[in-house]
Structure formats: C-alpha cells, structure tokens
Amino acid sequence: MMMNFSANMLGLDNAATPLGLKAMQGLQNENQRKDTASNAQIMFLVINTSGLTIIPVVIIAQRAILGAANPTDIFIPVLLATAISTLTGIIVVSLRQRINLLDPVMVSWIGGILAAIGALTWWIGSMEKEQIEVVSKVGSNLILILLIGSFIIGALVRKVNVYDAFIEGAKNGFDVTVKIIPYLVGMLVGIAVFRASGAMDYIINGLAWLFGSMRINTDFVTALPTAFMRPLSGSGARALMVEAMQHYGADSFVGRLSCLFQGAADTTFYIIALYFGSVGIRKTRYAITAGLIADLSGVIAAIVLAYIFFA
C-alpha cells in the first residue's frame, strides 16, 4: 500500500497500478465476502482515486516540453487541490463507515492539514500577482529539491539497491499485464465511444451557456474537458491537457488549469474497474459515489486556486 501511495504521490500513474493490484489482492484475502467490496478496500480505493500527488512529475515534464516559462509554477496549486480531494474522499468514506472523526488523532491530522491549506491559500491570495509568481516559483523548486534529496538520502541510509528492486518488480510485470488486459480493453472501448459520440462537446457548450447566463466568469469552462476525462482515462485526460497547452499556450490560464485538473484527481472508473475486477468484486457499494465526490471537490478546488494563482 505504501509503495502504491508513494508512486501516486510522485505522479507515476502507471508505476502505481501493479502495486495497487498487489495491495488489493492482499485486502481481498482478508475479505469475508469475496464478491463485495470491504470497508478497507473502499477506503484504499478512494484514497487512490482522489489522486494524492506531491510531485506531479509527468505534468511538469509536459509543461517543460511545451515551452512553459516556469514548468513548476503549478506545483503548489496542484498540491493544495489534490490534498483537498484526498481529504474529502477520506471524510466521505469515514462518514459512511461510521469512523469517529472526532477522535483526537483524526481531529489533529485532518484539522491540521485543513488549517495549513487554508492559511497558505489565504496568504497567497493576499499577495499581488507578481509576488505570487515569485513565491510559487521559489517555493515549488525548493520543495522539489528537498523531497528528491530526502528520497536519495533515505535509500542510502537504508542501503536499498534500487536497481535490484526494479528488476524484481519487473519480473512480475508480465503476469500483471495479462491479468488486467480484459478490464483495460473494456474501459478503453467505453471511453472511445464516449469521446466519438460528441457528448463531451454538448456538455461543455451547455455549461458555458449556463455559467454565462449567470454572469459567472467562464474562462475555466474551456479547460473542463480534462476534468471530465480524468475520472475515465489518465492517458485521455493527459492528451486533452497537452492539447489545451498547445492550443492556448503552456502559460495560459486554460493551459495551467488543465494541468491542475490533471493533478487534482485520478482515473476513478478505470481504477475501480481494474482493481475490483482483478479480484472478482462485483458489488462496489458506495466506492464510485465516494470517489466521484472526491474528484468533484478536487475540480472545484483547482478552479478556485487557478483564479487565485494565475487569473
């Protein structure tokens, strides 16, 4: 589980999949009702679908390739948006599972994180645009250097042979691939039909009309295709993010917001179909609902943060 969470935090979606499948199998061994998702499996899944990301490596790399002046300027907004999404998912599942959120440990962790997010957002929101750009650039690069340095030092201290660990994991890759192909093909076909049907365009145009009639700034609507595609397909959402940056510019509001959408959530339907399907679970209970609520909170947070940082 920790390896799966770590891969997700680094923004390495594909690397997290085999680790997540292994963790799900372990949870299934403890599950008394093999065709129904257990509480532990739902919590694990929702944390995955909420897209907790500390270092959005792929997004930063794409921004650098497309010529962004400062590829890491989305780092802090992505960190805030994904933290909100993950906390929302944990709270929703905790309420359904009647976990005591008033426990001193839960209150201290969740309250502390929310307070830190609120304080940081308020502090940045009180700055001028030029100050925000400087703080975002310096803070993002500093955090990245400290995190990467801590990983390297940790490996040296624990005497971990990274190359041998990689080879050992790669040996199991073929078995994992064979297991997930049927579910992967099914999801990709469904996504392709959805995109080809033109339903996405109708939804975007309808939202643009709705918010426009309410006299709400509609700059964010153009980036929404990435948000809608994200719960369905990581590669599809990534393609829409790249397309937005190519069309509007990597440093445009739409281009940056697309990056925030990509980093704020994860492929909810894909993960549920793949993880549950691989262990034979057919009754997902409230996993999809909780995952989508977490995704929605991440999307809303991304829009608000984009206006604070980049508008």
Foldseek 3Di string as FASTA:
>chain_A
DVVLVVCLQQQNVVVSVVVLLVVLVVVCVVDPDLQEDDLVNLLSLLLVFQRQYQHNPVQLVLLVVQPPPQSQLLRVLLNLLSVQLNLLLNVVSCVVVVPPCVPPVNCCVSVVVVVVSVVVLVVLLVDDQVVLSVCSRVVRVVVVVVVVVVVVVVCVVVVPDVVVVVVVVVVCVVVLCVLQVVLVVVLVVVLVCVVVVCVLVVVLVVVQVVCVVVVHDCPQSQLCVLLVCFLRDLVVSVVSLSVQCNVVNCQDLSNSLSSSSSNRGHNSVSSCSRNSVSSNHDHHDCSSVSNVVSSVSSNVSSVVVSVSNRD
